[in-house]
Amino acid sequence: MQTWLGYLFFTVIVGGGQIAAADAPFDVIIKGGTVYDGTGGEGHVADVAIRGDRIVGVGDFASAVPKKTIDARGLAVAPGFINMLSWSTESLIQDGRSQSEIRQGVTTEIMGEGESMGPLNDRMKARILSEQKDIKFEIKWNTLAEYLHYLEQRGISCNVASFLGATTVREYVIGLEDKQPTPEQLDQMRELVRKEMEAGALGIGTSLIYPPAFYAKTEELIELCKVAAKYRGKYISHMRSEGNQLLEAFDELLRISREAGIPAEVYHIKAAGEKNWPKEDQLLGRIEAAQKEGLKIRANMLSMCFHIYTDDFF
């Protein structure tokens, strides 16, 4: 367990409630901390019992004799934080310990904002290898699912999951050029999405403010999201504009959500440039109106790439 700013972090609670000390031995008991279970309720003083790599109970374990005791009196004990916009895609290959995030309580990293580590073809692999700088690595995978399995096999300290980057799908089929897919190419893109969603991708991610991502038209993104929606996927987006075309960019996200039947999340909600600041209230109003319409639209304004989803988003 790592401590940071008075916190102890754990990943999951299995079962919840109190289990009898007779069910011991426990490997670790975190004693006397104020437990915040992640549901939003008030913290309460309790012990956390661990066996192996699982939390098996939260309650009073005063009579238990564990192999190790951690005194958490005066500290908060909380579930591990989720970094919903991780770019540790390469650094985890170099060092799977993830020390810069684990020591801040981040135990789960979600990747795939716009680009993902798969699917890759030979052309894409050659480009990635040619652009490597400080971190050097071989590419021993082809699909996004294979990349995540590769990390797991190498050994990493955190949990990982990923959205499928729409730009990655586009590059796989079309390349980096500013052109639109033919019907046959769009079918290939849909098939890539289907395979990755069936293998566990979280949904589609876009970063439409950057090239070559902004070459994709709205209709192309709708078609990819339609496939992801069949697997209960989500759509996350660094929108096409965060300044002069802010409202138009949100309207595009709204259209994608509505026509694809998919929940959508605005990443980095902001109004860049002083003349655009008054648009913030209009944007929030449009989000609230969409929610009243029954669409699952969410947004966050947290910086430093930490994104929080609420239960009803999923």
Foldseek 3Di string as FASTA:
>chain_A
DADDPQEAAAAAAPPEADDDLVVDDFAEKEAFAFEDEPQPDGTDTWIWTHHDNHTHYTHHNPPHDHNYYHHSHVGYYYYAAELQEDPCLQVCVVPQAPVVRVNVRHAEYEYAAQAAPDQDDPVRQVVVQVPDDPGHDHDPDHGRLVSLVVSVVVDHRHHYAYAHHPNRLCCRQPNQDLDDDDPVSLVSSLVSLLVVLVSPHQAYHNECCDPPRVSDDLVSLLSNRLSNVVSQHAYEYQWNDQEPCNVVRVVSQLVSCVSSVHAYEYEQRHYPDPVRRVCSVVVVVVQVVSVVVVHRYYYDNDPPSGDDDDPVSD
